[in-house]
PDB file of all heavy atoms in Angstrom:
ATOM      1  N   GLY A   1     255.010   0.471 141.625  1.00  0.00           N
ATOM      2  CA  GLY A   1     256.099   1.062 140.846  1.00  0.00           C
ATOM      3  C   GLY A   1     256.894   2.075 141.647  1.00  0.00           C
ATOM      4  O   GLY A   1     256.424   2.610 142.662  1.00  0.00           O
ATOM      5  N   ALA A   2     258.096   2.358 141.183  1.00  0.00           N
ATOM      6  CA  ALA A   2     259.015   3.228 141.921  1.00  0.00           C
ATOM      7  C   ALA A   2     258.588   4.690 141.896  1.00  0.00           C
ATOM      8  O   ALA A   2     258.834   5.426 142.852  1.00  0.00           O
ATOM      9  CB  ALA A   2     260.430   3.084 141.342  1.00  0.00           C
ATOM     10  N   ASP A   3     257.954   5.130 140.814  1.00  0.00           N
ATOM     11  CA  ASP A   3     257.618   6.538 140.653  1.00  0.00           C
ATOM     12  C   ASP A   3     256.114   6.740 140.803  1.00  0.00           C
ATOM     13  O   ASP A   3     255.339   6.287 139.960  1.00  0.00           O
ATOM     14  CB  ASP A   3     258.073   7.021 139.274  1.00  0.00           C
ATOM     15  CG  ASP A   3     257.886   8.525 139.088  1.00  0.00           C
ATOM     16  OD1 ASP A   3     257.302   9.171 139.974  1.00  0.00           O
ATOM     17  OD2 ASP A   3     258.317   9.043 138.041  1.00  0.00           O
ATOM     18  N   PRO A   4     255.673   7.441 141.864  1.00  0.00           N
ATOM     19  CA  PRO A   4     254.223   7.653 142.051  1.00  0.00           C
ATOM     20  C   PRO A   4     253.590   8.455 140.920  1.00  0.00           C
ATOM     21  O   PRO A   4     252.377   8.382 140.708  1.00  0.00           O
ATOM     22  CB  PRO A   4     254.149   8.417 143.384  1.00  0.00           C
ATOM     23  CG  PRO A   4     255.512   9.003 143.578  1.00  0.00           C
ATOM     24  CD  PRO A   4     256.461   8.041 142.948  1.00  0.00           C
ATOM     25  N   ASN A   5     254.389   9.192 140.156  1.00  0.00           N
ATOM     26  CA  ASN A   5     253.846   9.962 139.039  1.00  0.00           C
ATOM     27  C   ASN A   5     253.384   9.066 137.890  1.00  0.00           C
ATOM     28  O   ASN A   5     252.677   9.537 136.985  1.00  0.00           O
ATOM     29  CB  ASN A   5     254.898  10.950 138.521  1.00  0.00           C
ATOM     30  CG  ASN A   5     255.194  12.061 139.512  1.00  0.00           C
ATOM     31  OD1 ASN A   5     254.301  12.530 140.221  1.00  0.00           O
ATOM     32  ND2 ASN A   5     256.446  12.491 139.572  1.00  0.00           N
ATOM     33  N   ASP A   6     253.785   7.803 137.938  1.00  0.00           N
ATOM     34  CA  ASP A   6     253.373   6.860 136.896  1.00  0.00           C
ATOM     35  C   ASP A   6     252.100   6.105 137.254  1.00  0.00           C
ATOM     36  O   ASP A   6     251.639   5.273 136.465  1.00  0.00           O
ATOM     37  CB  ASP A   6     254.494   5.840 136.633  1.00  0.00           C
ATOM     38  CG  ASP A   6     255.711   6.475 135.987  1.00  0.00           C
ATOM     39  OD1 ASP A   6     255.539   7.448 135.243  1.00  0.00           O
ATOM     40  OD2 ASP A   6     256.834   5.992 136.222  1.00  0.00           O
ATOM     41  N   PHE A   7     251.535   6.418 138.418  1.00  0.00           N
ATOM     42  CA  PHE A   7     250.335   5.692 138.854  1.00  0.00           C
ATOM     43  C   PHE A   7     249.215   5.789 137.834  1.00  0.00           C
ATOM     44  O   PHE A   7     248.526   4.806 137.539  1.00  0.00           O
ATOM     45  CB  PHE A   7     249.845   6.217 140.207  1.00  0.00           C
ATOM     46  CG  PHE A   7     248.481   5.714 140.578  1.00  0.00           C
ATOM     47  CD1 PHE A   7     248.309   4.434 141.079  1.00  0.00           C
ATOM     48  CD2 PHE A   7     247.347   6.502 140.373  1.00  0.00           C
ATOM     49  CE1 PHE A   7     247.034   3.951 141.399  1.00  0.00           C
ATOM     50  CE2 PHE A   7     246.081   6.027 140.682  1.00  0.00           C
ATOM     51  CZ  PHE A   7     245.926   4.754 141.198  1.00  0.00           C
ATOM     52  N   HIS A   8     249.011   6.984 137.274  1.00  0.00           N
ATOM     53  CA  HIS A   8     247.876   7.178 136.349  1.00  0.00           C
ATOM     54  C   HIS A   8     248.006   6.286 135.116  1.00  0.00           C
ATOM     55  O   HIS A   8     246.995   5.838 134.560  1.00  0.00           O
ATOM     56  CB  HIS A   8     247.756   8.653 135.952  1.00  0.00           C
ATOM     57  CG  HIS A   8     248.828   9.133 135.025  1.00  0.00           C
ATOM     58  ND1 HIS A   8     248.652   9.232 133.653  1.00  0.00           N
ATOM     59  CD2 HIS A   8     250.088   9.556 135.260  1.00  0.00           C
ATOM     60  CE1 HIS A   8     249.750   9.693 133.098  1.00  0.00           C
ATOM     61  NE2 HIS A   8     250.652   9.902 134.043  1.00  0.00           N
ATOM     62  N   VAL A   9     249.231   5.998 134.685  1.00  0.00           N
ATOM     63  CA  VAL A   9     249.440   5.120 133.526  1.00  0.00           C
ATOM     64  C   VAL A   9     249.049   3.696 133.889  1.00  0.00           C
ATOM     65  O   VAL A   9     248.315   3.020 133.146  1.00  0.00           O
ATOM     66  CB  VAL A   9     250.904   5.179 133.061  1.00  0.00           C
ATOM     67  CG1 VAL A   9     251.135   4.204 131.900  1.00  0.00           C
ATOM     68  CG2 VAL A   9     251.284   6.591 132.669  1.00  0.00           C
ATOM     69  N   HIS A  10     249.523   3.237 135.035  1.00  0.00           N
ATOM     70  CA  HIS A  10     249.202   1.884 135.509  1.00  0.00           C
ATOM     71  C   HIS A  10     247.698   1.715 135.691  1.00  0.00           C
ATOM     72  O   HIS A  10     247.105   0.737 135.209  1.00  0.00           O
ATOM     73  CB  HIS A  10     249.938   1.633 136.831  1.00  0.00           C
ATOM     74  CG  HIS A  10     249.427   0.489 137.627  1.00  0.00           C
ATOM     75  ND1 HIS A  10     249.681  -0.826 137.298  1.00  0.00           N
ATOM     76  CD2 HIS A  10     248.654   0.448 138.753  1.00  0.00           C
ATOM     77  CE1 HIS A  10     249.113  -1.625 138.189  1.00  0.00           C
ATOM     78  NE2 HIS A  10     248.474  -0.882 139.071  1.00  0.00           N
ATOM     79  N   ALA A  11     247.070   2.673 136.364  1.00  0.00           N
ATOM     80  CA  ALA A  11     245.638   2.570 136.653  1.00  0.00           C
ATOM     81  C   ALA A  11     244.808   2.599 135.364  1.00  0.00           C
ATOM     82  O   ALA A  11     243.831   1.851 135.226  1.00  0.00           O
ATOM     83  CB  ALA A  11     245.210   3.711 137.575  1.00  0.00           C
ATOM     84  N   ALA A  12     245.207   3.436 134.417  1.00  0.00           N
ATOM     85  CA  ALA A  12     244.472   3.512 133.152  1.00  0.00           C
ATOM     86  C   ALA A  12     244.666   2.248 132.326  1.00  0.00           C
ATOM     87  O   ALA A  12     243.742   1.800 131.636  1.00  0.00           O
ATOM     88  CB  ALA A  12     244.910   4.735 132.365  1.00  0.00           C
ATOM     89  N   ALA A  13     245.871   1.659 132.382  1.00  0.00           N
ATOM     90  CA  ALA A  13     246.109   0.399 131.675  1.00  0.00           C
ATOM     91  C   ALA A  13     245.193  -0.694 132.221  1.00  0.00           C
ATOM     92  O   ALA A  13     244.637  -1.495 131.462  1.00  0.00           O
ATOM     93  CB  ALA A  13     247.571  -0.008 131.795  1.00  0.00           C
ATOM     94  N   LEU A  14     245.020  -0.724 133.537  1.00  0.00           N
ATOM     95  CA  LEU A  14     244.107  -1.691 134.142  1.00  0.00           C
ATOM     96  C   LEU A  14     242.671  -1.410 133.725  1.00  0.00           C
ATOM     97  O   LEU A  14     241.918  -2.338 133.388  1.00  0.00           O
ATOM     98  CB  LEU A  14     244.234  -1.644 135.662  1.00  0.00           C
ATOM     99  CG  LEU A  14     245.551  -2.117 136.278  1.00  0.00           C
ATOM    100  CD1 LEU A  14     245.527  -1.927 137.792  1.00  0.00           C
ATOM    101  CD2 LEU A  14     245.801  -3.589 135.941  1.00  0.00           C
ATOM    102  N   SER A  15     242.283  -0.144 133.739  1.00  0.00           N
ATOM    103  CA  SER A  15     240.912   0.226 133.393  1.00  0.00           C
ATOM    104  C   SER A  15     240.583  -0.130 131.948  1.00  0.00           C
ATOM    105  O   SER A  15     239.450  -0.518 131.639  1.00  0.00           O
ATOM    106  CB  SER A  15     240.718   1.728 133.621  1.00  0.00           C
ATOM    107  OG  SER A  15     239.412   2.123 133.274  1.00  0.00           O
ATOM    108  N   SER A  16     241.565  -0.013 131.067  1.00  0.00           N
ATOM    109  CA  SER A  16     241.341  -0.325 129.653  1.00  0.00           C
ATOM    110  C   SER A  16     241.385  -1.818 129.372  1.00  0.00           C
ATOM    111  O   SER A  16     241.178  -2.240 128.239  1.00  0.00           O
ATOM    112  CB  SER A  16     242.396   0.376 128.790  1.00  0.00           C
ATOM    113  OG  SER A  16     243.681  -0.175 129.007  1.00  0.00           O
ATOM    114  N   GLU A  17     241.654  -2.615 130.412  1.00  0.00           N
ATOM    115  CA  GLU A  17     241.799  -4.065 130.284  1.00  0.00           C
ATOM    116  C   GLU A  17     242.887  -4.410 129.269  1.00  0.00           C
ATOM    117  O   GLU A  17     242.749  -5.320 128.451  1.00  0.00           O
ATOM    118  CB  GLU A  17     240.463  -4.717 129.907  1.00  0.00           C
ATOM    119  CG  GLU A  17     239.380  -4.494 130.946  1.00  0.00           C
ATOM    120  CD  GLU A  17     238.066  -5.182 130.576  1.00  0.00           C
ATOM    121  OE1 GLU A  17     237.893  -5.540 129.385  1.00  0.00           O
ATOM    122  OE2 GLU A  17     237.234  -5.367 131.481  1.00  0.00           O
ATOM    123  N   ALA A  18     243.974  -3.647 129.351  1.00  0.00           N
ATOM    124  CA  ALA A  18     245.079  -3.827 128.410  1.00  0.00           C
ATOM    125  C   ALA A  18     245.772  -5.168 128.613  1.00  0.00           C
ATOM    126  O   ALA A  18     245.947  -5.628 129.741  1.00  0.00           O
ATOM    127  CB  ALA A  18     246.091  -2.694 128.574  1.00  0.00           C
ATOM    128  N   ASP A  19     246.170  -5.762 127.503  1.00  0.00           N
ATOM    129  CA  ASP A  19     247.030  -6.943 127.545  1.00  0.00           C
ATOM    130  C   ASP A  19     248.493  -6.533 127.649  1.00  0.00           C
ATOM    131  O   ASP A  19     249.310  -7.272 128.200  1.00  0.00           O
ATOM    132  CB  ASP A  19     246.844  -7.781 126.276  1.00  0.00           C
ATOM    133  CG  ASP A  19     245.408  -8.225 126.081  1.00  0.00           C
ATOM    134  OD1 ASP A  19     244.951  -9.050 126.887  1.00  0.00           O
ATOM    135  OD2 ASP A  19     244.756  -7.735 125.143  1.00  0.00           O
ATOM    136  N   MET A  20     248.800  -5.350 127.105  1.00  0.00           N
ATOM    137  CA  MET A  20     250.172  -4.858 127.075  1.00  0.00           C
ATOM    138  C   MET A  20     250.191  -3.376 127.430  1.00  0.00           C
ATOM    139  O   MET A  20     249.274  -2.634 127.079  1.00  0.00           O
ATOM    140  CB  MET A  20     250.793  -5.042 125.684  1.00  0.00           C
ATOM    141  CG  MET A  20     250.814  -6.462 125.184  1.00  0.00           C
ATOM    142  SD  MET A  20     251.498  -6.530 123.503  1.00  0.00           S
ATOM    143  CE  MET A  20     251.394  -8.297 123.182  1.00  0.00           C
ATOM    144  N   LEU A  21     251.273  -2.980 128.100  1.00  0.00           N
ATOM    145  CA  LEU A  21     251.559  -1.571 128.335  1.00  0.00           C
ATOM    146  C   LEU A  21     252.825  -1.244 127.563  1.00  0.00           C
ATOM    147  O   LEU A  21     253.875  -1.842 127.790  1.00  0.00           O
ATOM    148  CB  LEU A  21     251.759  -1.303 129.832  1.00  0.00           C
ATOM    149  CG  LEU A  21     252.367   0.055 130.202  1.00  0.00           C
ATOM    150  CD1 LEU A  21     251.472   1.198 129.721  1.00  0.00           C
ATOM    151  CD2 LEU A  21     252.600   0.150 131.700  1.00  0.00           C
ATOM    152  N   LEU A  22     252.739  -0.295 126.648  1.00  0.00           N
ATOM    153  CA  LEU A  22     253.880   0.090 125.820  1.00  0.00           C
ATOM    154  C   LEU A  22     254.516   1.334 126.417  1.00  0.00           C
ATOM    155  O   LEU A  22     253.903   2.405 126.457  1.00  0.00           O
ATOM    156  CB  LEU A  22     253.413   0.348 124.384  1.00  0.00           C
ATOM    157  CG  LEU A  22     254.483   0.501 123.315  1.00  0.00           C
ATOM    158  CD1 LEU A  22     255.352  -0.749 123.225  1.00  0.00           C
ATOM    159  CD2 LEU A  22     253.844   0.795 121.965  1.00  0.00           C
ATOM    160  N   THR A  23     255.764   1.204 126.881  1.00  0.00           N
ATOM    161  CA  THR A  23     256.422   2.294 127.585  1.00  0.00           C
ATOM    162  C   THR A  23     257.931   2.153 127.515  1.00  0.00           C
ATOM    163  O   THR A  23     258.444   1.043 127.328  1.00  0.00           O
ATOM    164  CB  THR A  23     255.979   2.329 129.067  1.00  0.00           C
ATOM    165  OG1 THR A  23     256.589   3.438 129.735  1.00  0.00           O
ATOM    166  CG2 THR A  23     256.356   1.030 129.775  1.00  0.00           C
ATOM    167  N   CYS A  24     258.616   3.282 127.663  1.00  0.00           N
ATOM    168  CA  CYS A  24     260.079   3.277 127.785  1.00  0.00           C
ATOM    169  C   CYS A  24     260.502   3.481 129.234  1.00  0.00           C
ATOM    170  O   CYS A  24     261.706   3.484 129.535  1.00  0.00           O
ATOM    171  CB  CYS A  24     260.687   4.381 126.926  1.00  0.00           C
ATOM    172  SG  CYS A  24     260.319   4.286 125.166  1.00  0.00           S
ATOM    173  N   ASP A  25     259.545   3.673 130.119  1.00  0.00           N
ATOM    174  CA  ASP A  25     259.816   3.984 131.517  1.00  0.00           C
ATOM    175  C   ASP A  25     260.304   2.740 132.267  1.00  0.00           C
ATOM    176  O   ASP A  25     259.599   1.738 132.341  1.00  0.00           O
ATOM    177  CB  ASP A  25     258.547   4.527 132.175  1.00  0.00           C
ATOM    178  CG  ASP A  25     258.782   5.052 133.571  1.00  0.00           C
ATOM    179  OD1 ASP A  25     258.895   4.239 134.499  1.00  0.00           O
ATOM    180  OD2 ASP A  25     258.857   6.288 133.729  1.00  0.00           O
ATOM    181  N   THR A  26     261.511   2.817 132.829  1.00  0.00           N
ATOM    182  CA  THR A  26     262.089   1.643 133.504  1.00  0.00           C
ATOM    183  C   THR A  26     261.288   1.241 134.740  1.00  0.00           C
ATOM    184  O   THR A  26     261.223   0.057 135.068  1.00  0.00           O
ATOM    185  CB  THR A  26     263.549   1.923 133.907  1.00  0.00           C
ATOM    186  OG1 THR A  26     263.611   3.117 134.715  1.00  0.00           O
ATOM    187  CG2 THR A  26     264.417   2.111 132.671  1.00  0.00           C
ATOM    188  N   GLY A  27     260.682   2.222 135.410  1.00  0.00           N
ATOM    189  CA  GLY A  27     259.877   1.887 136.583  1.00  0.00           C
ATOM    190  C   GLY A  27     258.652   1.062 136.221  1.00  0.00           C
ATOM    191  O   GLY A  27     258.316   0.089 136.911  1.00  0.00           O
ATOM    192  N   LEU A  28     257.987   1.414 135.134  1.00  0.00           N
ATOM    193  CA  LEU A  28     256.819   0.655 134.685  1.00  0.00           C
ATOM    194  C   LEU A  28     257.227  -0.678 134.071  1.00  0.00           C
ATOM    195  O   LEU A  28     256.486  -1.662 134.164  1.00  0.00           O
ATOM    196  CB  LEU A  28     256.026   1.476 133.661  1.00  0.00           C
ATOM    197  CG  LEU A  28     255.269   2.680 134.232  1.00  0.00           C
ATOM    198  CD1 LEU A  28     254.786   3.595 133.114  1.00  0.00           C
ATOM    199  CD2 LEU A  28     254.092   2.220 135.093  1.00  0.00           C
ATOM    200  N   LEU A  29     258.397  -0.724 133.463  1.00  0.00           N
ATOM    201  CA  LEU A  29     258.869  -1.970 132.858  1.00  0.00           C
ATOM    202  C   LEU A  29     259.337  -2.983 133.895  1.00  0.00           C
ATOM    203  O   LEU A  29     259.391  -4.176 133.603  1.00  0.00           O
ATOM    204  CB  LEU A  29     260.017  -1.673 131.888  1.00  0.00           C
ATOM    205  CG  LEU A  29     259.638  -0.966 130.584  1.00  0.00           C
ATOM    206  CD1 LEU A  29     260.885  -0.460 129.875  1.00  0.00           C
ATOM    207  CD2 LEU A  29     258.852  -1.904 129.670  1.00  0.00           C
ATOM    208  N   ASN A  30     259.674  -2.515 135.088  1.00  0.00           N
ATOM    209  CA  ASN A  30     260.255  -3.396 136.103  1.00  0.00           C
ATOM    210  C   ASN A  30     259.509  -3.299 137.426  1.00  0.00           C
ATOM    211  O   ASN A  30     260.122  -3.182 138.493  1.00  0.00           O
ATOM    212  CB  ASN A  30     261.733  -3.036 136.308  1.00  0.00           C
ATOM    213  CG  ASN A  30     262.559  -3.237 135.057  1.00  0.00           C
ATOM    214  OD1 ASN A  30     262.866  -4.356 134.675  1.00  0.00           O
ATOM    215  ND2 ASN A  30     262.929  -2.138 134.399  1.00  0.00           N
TER     216      ASN A  30
END
């Protein structure tokens, strides 16, 4: 992702075995 500050969201989504990540952040969406 473009913003390193969003790493914790991505990593936690993986850890939770999420099917979906719900966010308004364009970096995480793209």
